[in-house]
Amino acid sequence: MGMSVGDKQSGLMADINVTPLVDVVLVLLIIFMVVTPMLSSGVDVDLPDAESSTTVNDAGQHVVVSIRSDAAIFVDTKRSSLDKVVDDLNAEWRKDPNRALLIKGDKTLRWKDVHNVMAKVNDNGMSSMLLAAEKSSGGSSSEGGD
């Protein structure tokens, strides 16, 4: 391995070796590509399509109530029930009271199943909720405020 110091007239030649920089950037890109899909919170559900919505990326900043196609209810990733959902939500809020409430309902559910959960939550003083949906054109995850 040699080093070029230039000729006698121009002095030292300083070249930046960008190969290590490119290696580090590619490794970081791969790490972010692998980790990003795991950042969404709650239980995975097949969200309904919405024609108009406001895109908000969910990276764990919401308390998520997920309702799967079998009508199973989850608060974040902990299984709950209609009777316990408010207690489980309060327990999550005690951990971080600045988080918003996000409702994720499977698109195969009847509206009544999601409405029952929303009504139970609303009856206990939590009236501000976000509803998760997929954008019809593009398929990115989005939420609309209630």
N, C-alpha and C. Protein backbone atom coordinates (compact mmCIF):
# COMPACT_ATOMS: atom_id res chain seq x y z
N MET A 1 0.86 -1.16 0.00
CA MET A 1 0.00 0.00 0.00
C MET A 1 0.91 1.22 0.00
N GLY A 2 0.68 2.12 -0.90
CA GLY A 2 1.53 3.30 -0.99
C GLY A 2 0.73 4.56 -0.81
N MET A 3 1.43 5.65 -0.71
CA MET A 3 0.79 6.94 -0.52
C MET A 3 1.39 7.92 -1.51
N SER A 4 0.53 8.65 -2.17
CA SER A 4 1.00 9.65 -3.11
C SER A 4 1.11 10.98 -2.38
N VAL A 5 2.30 11.55 -2.36
CA VAL A 5 2.50 12.82 -1.67
C VAL A 5 2.61 13.99 -2.64
N GLY A 6 2.35 13.75 -3.90
CA GLY A 6 2.42 14.82 -4.88
C GLY A 6 3.83 15.02 -5.38
N ASP A 7 3.97 15.98 -6.24
CA ASP A 7 5.31 16.28 -6.74
C ASP A 7 5.91 17.41 -5.91
N LYS A 8 7.12 17.79 -6.25
CA LYS A 8 7.84 18.77 -5.47
C LYS A 8 7.24 20.16 -5.58
N GLN A 9 6.49 20.43 -6.63
CA GLN A 9 5.96 21.77 -6.83
C GLN A 9 4.63 21.99 -6.14
N SER A 10 3.74 20.98 -6.11
CA SER A 10 2.39 21.19 -5.57
C SER A 10 2.23 20.80 -4.11
N GLY A 11 3.12 20.13 -3.51
CA GLY A 11 3.03 19.75 -2.10
C GLY A 11 2.22 18.48 -1.90
N LEU A 12 1.64 18.33 -0.71
CA LEU A 12 0.87 17.13 -0.37
C LEU A 12 -0.45 17.10 -1.12
N MET A 13 -0.89 15.89 -1.46
CA MET A 13 -2.17 15.71 -2.14
C MET A 13 -3.11 15.02 -1.16
N ALA A 14 -4.21 15.68 -0.81
CA ALA A 14 -5.14 15.14 0.18
C ALA A 14 -6.40 14.65 -0.53
N ASP A 15 -6.56 13.35 -0.66
CA ASP A 15 -7.77 12.75 -1.24
C ASP A 15 -8.54 12.06 -0.13
N ILE A 16 -9.86 12.24 -0.13
CA ILE A 16 -10.71 11.58 0.84
C ILE A 16 -11.09 10.21 0.29
N ASN A 17 -10.90 9.20 1.09
CA ASN A 17 -11.29 7.86 0.70
C ASN A 17 -12.77 7.68 1.07
N VAL A 18 -13.67 7.64 0.08
CA VAL A 18 -15.10 7.58 0.34
C VAL A 18 -15.62 6.16 0.49
N THR A 19 -14.80 5.16 0.25
CA THR A 19 -15.26 3.78 0.33
C THR A 19 -15.78 3.43 1.73
N PRO A 20 -15.07 3.76 2.81
CA PRO A 20 -15.64 3.45 4.14
C PRO A 20 -16.94 4.21 4.41
N LEU A 21 -17.04 5.43 3.92
CA LEU A 21 -18.27 6.21 4.09
C LEU A 21 -19.44 5.54 3.38
N VAL A 22 -19.22 5.09 2.17
CA VAL A 22 -20.28 4.41 1.41
C VAL A 22 -20.67 3.11 2.11
N ASP A 23 -19.69 2.38 2.64
CA ASP A 23 -19.99 1.14 3.37
C ASP A 23 -20.88 1.41 4.58
N VAL A 24 -20.55 2.43 5.35
CA VAL A 24 -21.33 2.76 6.54
C VAL A 24 -22.75 3.20 6.15
N VAL A 25 -22.88 4.02 5.13
CA VAL A 25 -24.19 4.49 4.69
C VAL A 25 -25.04 3.33 4.20
N LEU A 26 -24.48 2.40 3.47
CA LEU A 26 -25.25 1.25 2.98
C LEU A 26 -25.69 0.36 4.14
N VAL A 27 -24.83 0.15 5.13
CA VAL A 27 -25.22 -0.65 6.30
C VAL A 27 -26.36 0.03 7.05
N LEU A 28 -26.27 1.35 7.25
CA LEU A 28 -27.35 2.08 7.92
C LEU A 28 -28.65 2.01 7.13
N LEU A 29 -28.57 2.11 5.82
CA LEU A 29 -29.76 2.00 4.98
C LEU A 29 -30.43 0.64 5.14
N ILE A 30 -29.64 -0.40 5.15
CA ILE A 30 -30.20 -1.75 5.33
C ILE A 30 -30.83 -1.89 6.70
N ILE A 31 -30.18 -1.36 7.73
CA ILE A 31 -30.74 -1.44 9.08
C ILE A 31 -32.08 -0.72 9.15
N PHE A 32 -32.16 0.48 8.59
CA PHE A 32 -33.42 1.22 8.60
C PHE A 32 -34.50 0.53 7.79
N MET A 33 -34.14 -0.11 6.68
CA MET A 33 -35.12 -0.82 5.87
C MET A 33 -35.69 -2.03 6.62
N VAL A 34 -34.87 -2.66 7.44
CA VAL A 34 -35.33 -3.82 8.20
C VAL A 34 -36.15 -3.40 9.41
N VAL A 35 -35.75 -2.34 10.09
CA VAL A 35 -36.38 -1.93 11.34
C VAL A 35 -37.68 -1.16 11.12
N THR A 36 -37.78 -0.38 10.08
CA THR A 36 -38.94 0.49 9.87
C THR A 36 -40.28 -0.24 9.86
N PRO A 37 -40.44 -1.37 9.20
CA PRO A 37 -41.74 -2.05 9.26
C PRO A 37 -42.11 -2.53 10.65
N MET A 38 -41.15 -2.70 11.53
CA MET A 38 -41.43 -3.18 12.88
C MET A 38 -41.82 -2.06 13.83
N LEU A 39 -41.77 -0.81 13.37
CA LEU A 39 -42.04 0.31 14.26
C LEU A 39 -43.52 0.55 14.51
N SER A 40 -44.39 0.08 13.64
CA SER A 40 -45.81 0.31 13.87
C SER A 40 -46.25 -0.44 15.12
N SER A 41 -47.15 0.16 15.86
CA SER A 41 -47.54 -0.42 17.13
C SER A 41 -48.87 -1.13 17.02
N GLY A 42 -49.19 -1.88 18.03
CA GLY A 42 -50.44 -2.63 18.04
C GLY A 42 -50.32 -3.94 17.31
N VAL A 43 -51.43 -4.63 17.21
CA VAL A 43 -51.50 -5.91 16.53
C VAL A 43 -51.82 -5.65 15.06
N ASP A 44 -51.21 -6.41 14.16
CA ASP A 44 -51.46 -6.22 12.74
C ASP A 44 -52.88 -6.64 12.39
N VAL A 45 -53.58 -5.73 11.70
CA VAL A 45 -54.92 -6.02 11.20
C VAL A 45 -54.98 -5.55 9.75
N ASP A 46 -55.86 -6.15 8.98
CA ASP A 46 -56.08 -5.76 7.59
C ASP A 46 -57.01 -4.55 7.59
N LEU A 47 -56.44 -3.35 7.42
CA LEU A 47 -57.21 -2.12 7.56
C LEU A 47 -58.13 -1.87 6.37
N PRO A 48 -59.27 -1.21 6.60
CA PRO A 48 -60.16 -0.86 5.50
C PRO A 48 -59.56 0.26 4.65
N ASP A 49 -60.05 0.40 3.42
CA ASP A 49 -59.59 1.45 2.51
C ASP A 49 -60.37 2.73 2.76
N ALA A 50 -59.68 3.86 2.57
CA ALA A 50 -60.32 5.17 2.71
C ALA A 50 -59.90 6.03 1.52
N GLU A 51 -60.86 6.75 0.94
CA GLU A 51 -60.55 7.60 -0.20
C GLU A 51 -59.86 8.89 0.23
N SER A 52 -60.26 9.44 1.37
CA SER A 52 -59.61 10.66 1.85
C SER A 52 -59.16 10.44 3.29
N SER A 53 -57.93 10.82 3.56
CA SER A 53 -57.39 10.66 4.90
C SER A 53 -56.19 11.55 5.06
N THR A 54 -55.76 11.68 6.29
CA THR A 54 -54.54 12.41 6.60
C THR A 54 -53.48 11.40 6.98
N THR A 55 -52.35 11.44 6.30
CA THR A 55 -51.29 10.47 6.56
C THR A 55 -50.51 10.87 7.80
N VAL A 56 -50.47 9.95 8.75
CA VAL A 56 -49.67 10.11 9.96
C VAL A 56 -48.95 8.80 10.18
N ASN A 57 -47.64 8.83 10.24
CA ASN A 57 -46.87 7.61 10.46
C ASN A 57 -46.96 7.21 11.92
N ASP A 58 -47.30 5.95 12.15
CA ASP A 58 -47.40 5.42 13.50
C ASP A 58 -46.09 4.73 13.85
N ALA A 59 -45.35 5.33 14.73
CA ALA A 59 -44.07 4.74 15.15
C ALA A 59 -44.05 4.54 16.65
N GLY A 60 -45.17 4.11 17.19
CA GLY A 60 -45.23 3.84 18.62
C GLY A 60 -45.66 5.01 19.47
N GLN A 61 -46.09 6.11 18.85
CA GLN A 61 -46.47 7.28 19.64
C GLN A 61 -47.94 7.27 20.03
N HIS A 62 -48.70 6.26 19.63
CA HIS A 62 -50.12 6.16 19.96
C HIS A 62 -50.38 4.98 20.89
N VAL A 63 -51.45 5.10 21.67
CA VAL A 63 -51.99 3.93 22.36
C VAL A 63 -52.95 3.31 21.36
N VAL A 64 -52.69 2.09 20.97
CA VAL A 64 -53.44 1.46 19.89
C VAL A 64 -54.41 0.42 20.43
N VAL A 65 -55.67 0.55 20.00
CA VAL A 65 -56.67 -0.48 20.25
C VAL A 65 -56.90 -1.18 18.92
N SER A 66 -56.52 -2.44 18.83
CA SER A 66 -56.67 -3.22 17.60
C SER A 66 -57.82 -4.20 17.77
N ILE A 67 -58.66 -4.28 16.74
CA ILE A 67 -59.77 -5.23 16.75
C ILE A 67 -59.58 -6.13 15.53
N ARG A 68 -59.26 -7.40 15.78
CA ARG A 68 -58.99 -8.33 14.69
C ARG A 68 -60.29 -8.83 14.07
N SER A 69 -60.15 -9.58 13.00
CA SER A 69 -61.32 -10.10 12.28
C SER A 69 -62.16 -11.05 13.12
N ASP A 70 -61.57 -11.71 14.12
CA ASP A 70 -62.33 -12.60 15.00
C ASP A 70 -62.91 -11.85 16.20
N ALA A 71 -62.91 -10.49 16.13
CA ALA A 71 -63.45 -9.58 17.15
C ALA A 71 -62.64 -9.59 18.44
N ALA A 72 -61.42 -10.13 18.39
CA ALA A 72 -60.53 -10.06 19.55
C ALA A 72 -59.99 -8.64 19.67
N ILE A 73 -59.96 -8.13 20.89
CA ILE A 73 -59.55 -6.75 21.16
C ILE A 73 -58.19 -6.77 21.82
N PHE A 74 -57.30 -5.89 21.36
CA PHE A 74 -55.96 -5.76 21.92
C PHE A 74 -55.70 -4.30 22.24
N VAL A 75 -55.09 -4.03 23.39
CA VAL A 75 -54.59 -2.70 23.73
C VAL A 75 -53.08 -2.79 23.60
N ASP A 76 -52.54 -2.07 22.62
CA ASP A 76 -51.17 -2.25 22.14
C ASP A 76 -51.03 -3.71 21.74
N THR A 77 -50.27 -4.52 22.42
CA THR A 77 -50.17 -5.94 22.04
C THR A 77 -50.76 -6.87 23.10
N LYS A 78 -51.37 -6.30 24.14
CA LYS A 78 -51.95 -7.09 25.22
C LYS A 78 -53.42 -7.38 24.91
N ARG A 79 -53.80 -8.65 24.98
CA ARG A 79 -55.19 -9.03 24.72
C ARG A 79 -56.09 -8.45 25.79
N SER A 80 -57.23 -7.96 25.36
CA SER A 80 -58.19 -7.33 26.27
C SER A 80 -59.58 -7.83 25.91
N SER A 81 -60.57 -7.24 26.51
CA SER A 81 -61.96 -7.53 26.18
C SER A 81 -62.74 -6.23 26.25
N LEU A 82 -63.99 -6.26 25.82
CA LEU A 82 -64.81 -5.05 25.85
C LEU A 82 -64.98 -4.54 27.27
N ASP A 83 -65.06 -5.44 28.23
CA ASP A 83 -65.23 -5.04 29.62
C ASP A 83 -63.94 -4.47 30.23
N LYS A 84 -62.77 -4.94 29.77
CA LYS A 84 -61.50 -4.52 30.35
C LYS A 84 -60.77 -3.46 29.53
N VAL A 85 -61.29 -3.08 28.37
CA VAL A 85 -60.54 -2.20 27.47
C VAL A 85 -60.22 -0.85 28.10
N VAL A 86 -61.15 -0.29 28.88
CA VAL A 86 -60.92 1.01 29.50
C VAL A 86 -59.83 0.91 30.56
N ASP A 87 -59.86 -0.14 31.38
CA ASP A 87 -58.83 -0.33 32.40
C ASP A 87 -57.45 -0.51 31.75
N ASP A 88 -57.40 -1.28 30.66
CA ASP A 88 -56.13 -1.50 29.97
C ASP A 88 -55.63 -0.20 29.32
N LEU A 89 -56.54 0.60 28.78
CA LEU A 89 -56.15 1.89 28.21
C LEU A 89 -55.61 2.83 29.28
N ASN A 90 -56.28 2.87 30.42
CA ASN A 90 -55.80 3.71 31.52
C ASN A 90 -54.41 3.28 32.00
N ALA A 91 -54.16 1.98 32.03
CA ALA A 91 -52.84 1.48 32.42
C ALA A 91 -51.77 1.94 31.44
N GLU A 92 -52.09 1.92 30.14
CA GLU A 92 -51.14 2.38 29.13
C GLU A 92 -50.92 3.88 29.24
N TRP A 93 -51.98 4.64 29.52
CA TRP A 93 -51.86 6.10 29.62
C TRP A 93 -51.03 6.51 30.83
N ARG A 94 -51.08 5.72 31.88
CA ARG A 94 -50.26 6.04 33.05
C ARG A 94 -48.77 5.97 32.71
N LYS A 95 -48.41 5.12 31.75
CA LYS A 95 -47.01 5.02 31.32
C LYS A 95 -46.58 6.28 30.58
N ASP A 96 -47.45 6.80 29.70
CA ASP A 96 -47.15 8.02 28.94
C ASP A 96 -48.46 8.71 28.59
N PRO A 97 -48.86 9.74 29.36
CA PRO A 97 -50.16 10.38 29.16
C PRO A 97 -50.25 11.28 27.93
N ASN A 98 -49.17 11.47 27.21
CA ASN A 98 -49.19 12.35 26.04
C ASN A 98 -49.54 11.63 24.74
N ARG A 99 -49.79 10.34 24.81
CA ARG A 99 -50.08 9.58 23.59
C ARG A 99 -51.55 9.70 23.21
N ALA A 100 -51.81 9.69 21.91
CA ALA A 100 -53.18 9.73 21.38
C ALA A 100 -53.72 8.31 21.26
N LEU A 101 -55.04 8.20 21.16
CA LEU A 101 -55.70 6.91 21.03
C LEU A 101 -55.95 6.62 19.55
N LEU A 102 -55.48 5.48 19.09
CA LEU A 102 -55.65 5.05 17.70
C LEU A 102 -56.45 3.76 17.67
N ILE A 103 -57.54 3.74 16.91
CA ILE A 103 -58.38 2.56 16.76
C ILE A 103 -58.07 1.92 15.41
N LYS A 104 -57.69 0.64 15.44
CA LYS A 104 -57.42 -0.12 14.21
C LYS A 104 -58.40 -1.29 14.16
N GLY A 105 -59.32 -1.23 13.21
CA GLY A 105 -60.29 -2.30 13.06
C GLY A 105 -60.10 -3.04 11.75
N ASP A 106 -60.20 -4.35 11.78
CA ASP A 106 -60.07 -5.15 10.56
C ASP A 106 -61.20 -4.82 9.59
N LYS A 107 -60.88 -4.84 8.29
CA LYS A 107 -61.89 -4.44 7.32
C LYS A 107 -63.00 -5.48 7.13
N THR A 108 -62.81 -6.69 7.64
CA THR A 108 -63.87 -7.69 7.53
C THR A 108 -64.87 -7.60 8.68
N LEU A 109 -64.58 -6.76 9.67
CA LEU A 109 -65.51 -6.59 10.80
C LEU A 109 -66.75 -5.83 10.38
N ARG A 110 -67.82 -6.05 11.12
CA ARG A 110 -68.99 -5.20 10.96
C ARG A 110 -68.72 -3.91 11.72
N TRP A 111 -69.32 -2.82 11.25
CA TRP A 111 -69.13 -1.53 11.89
C TRP A 111 -69.55 -1.59 13.36
N LYS A 112 -70.54 -2.39 13.66
CA LYS A 112 -71.05 -2.51 15.03
C LYS A 112 -69.95 -2.95 16.00
N ASP A 113 -69.07 -3.86 15.58
CA ASP A 113 -68.00 -4.36 16.45
C ASP A 113 -67.02 -3.25 16.82
N VAL A 114 -66.68 -2.42 15.86
CA VAL A 114 -65.77 -1.30 16.12
C VAL A 114 -66.50 -0.22 16.92
N HIS A 115 -67.75 0.02 16.57
CA HIS A 115 -68.53 1.05 17.27
C HIS A 115 -68.71 0.72 18.75
N ASN A 116 -68.92 -0.55 19.08
CA ASN A 116 -69.06 -0.94 20.48
C ASN A 116 -67.82 -0.59 21.29
N VAL A 117 -66.64 -0.83 20.72
CA VAL A 117 -65.40 -0.48 21.41
C VAL A 117 -65.28 1.03 21.54
N MET A 118 -65.56 1.75 20.46
CA MET A 118 -65.47 3.21 20.49
C MET A 118 -66.46 3.81 21.48
N ALA A 119 -67.67 3.26 21.55
CA ALA A 119 -68.68 3.76 22.48
C ALA A 119 -68.26 3.50 23.93
N LYS A 120 -67.69 2.33 24.19
CA LYS A 120 -67.22 2.00 25.54
C LYS A 120 -66.12 2.97 25.97
N VAL A 121 -65.21 3.25 25.07
CA VAL A 121 -64.12 4.19 25.36
C VAL A 121 -64.67 5.60 25.54
N ASN A 122 -65.58 6.01 24.68
CA ASN A 122 -66.18 7.35 24.75
C ASN A 122 -67.00 7.53 26.03
N ASP A 123 -67.73 6.51 26.44
CA ASP A 123 -68.53 6.58 27.67
C ASP A 123 -67.67 6.80 28.91
N ASN A 124 -66.39 6.45 28.81
CA ASN A 124 -65.49 6.61 29.95
C ASN A 124 -64.59 7.84 29.80
N GLY A 125 -65.01 8.80 28.99
CA GLY A 125 -64.35 10.09 28.93
C GLY A 125 -63.25 10.26 27.91
N MET A 126 -63.00 9.27 27.08
CA MET A 126 -61.97 9.40 26.04
C MET A 126 -62.66 9.63 24.71
N SER A 127 -62.89 10.90 24.38
CA SER A 127 -63.69 11.20 23.21
C SER A 127 -62.87 11.50 21.97
N SER A 128 -61.58 11.72 22.10
CA SER A 128 -60.73 12.02 20.95
C SER A 128 -60.01 10.75 20.50
N MET A 129 -60.33 10.29 19.28
CA MET A 129 -59.75 9.04 18.77
C MET A 129 -59.34 9.23 17.32
N LEU A 130 -58.33 8.48 16.91
CA LEU A 130 -57.92 8.40 15.52
C LEU A 130 -58.35 7.05 14.98
N LEU A 131 -58.78 7.00 13.73
CA LEU A 131 -59.16 5.75 13.09
C LEU A 131 -58.14 5.42 12.02
N ALA A 132 -57.60 4.23 12.04
CA ALA A 132 -56.59 3.82 11.06
C ALA A 132 -57.27 3.27 9.82
N ALA A 133 -56.70 3.60 8.65
CA ALA A 133 -57.20 3.11 7.37
C ALA A 133 -56.06 3.08 6.38
N GLU A 134 -56.23 2.33 5.32
CA GLU A 134 -55.29 2.31 4.21
C GLU A 134 -55.78 3.29 3.15
N LYS A 135 -54.86 4.01 2.53
CA LYS A 135 -55.24 4.89 1.42
C LYS A 135 -55.62 4.04 0.23
N SER A 136 -56.72 4.38 -0.43
CA SER A 136 -57.18 3.60 -1.58
C SER A 136 -56.16 3.60 -2.70
N SER A 137 -55.60 4.75 -3.01
CA SER A 137 -54.58 4.82 -4.07
C SER A 137 -53.21 4.91 -3.45
N GLY A 138 -52.43 3.86 -3.54
CA GLY A 138 -51.08 3.87 -3.00
C GLY A 138 -50.88 2.86 -1.88
N GLY A 139 -51.90 2.63 -1.05
CA GLY A 139 -51.84 1.60 -0.04
C GLY A 139 -50.98 1.90 1.17
N SER A 140 -50.65 3.18 1.42
CA SER A 140 -49.87 3.49 2.62
C SER A 140 -50.77 3.65 3.81
N SER A 141 -50.25 3.37 4.97
CA SER A 141 -51.04 3.45 6.19
C SER A 141 -51.34 4.90 6.55
N SER A 142 -52.58 5.15 6.93
CA SER A 142 -52.96 6.51 7.27
C SER A 142 -54.04 6.47 8.32
N GLU A 143 -54.27 7.63 8.94
CA GLU A 143 -55.28 7.73 9.96
C GLU A 143 -56.08 8.98 9.75
N GLY A 144 -57.33 8.93 10.12
CA GLY A 144 -58.16 10.12 10.07
C GLY A 144 -58.68 10.40 11.45
N GLY A 145 -58.70 11.65 11.85
CA GLY A 145 -59.16 12.01 13.19
C GLY A 145 -60.65 11.91 13.32
N ASP A 146 -61.13 11.69 14.54
CA ASP A 146 -62.56 11.56 14.81
C ASP A 146 -63.02 12.76 15.59
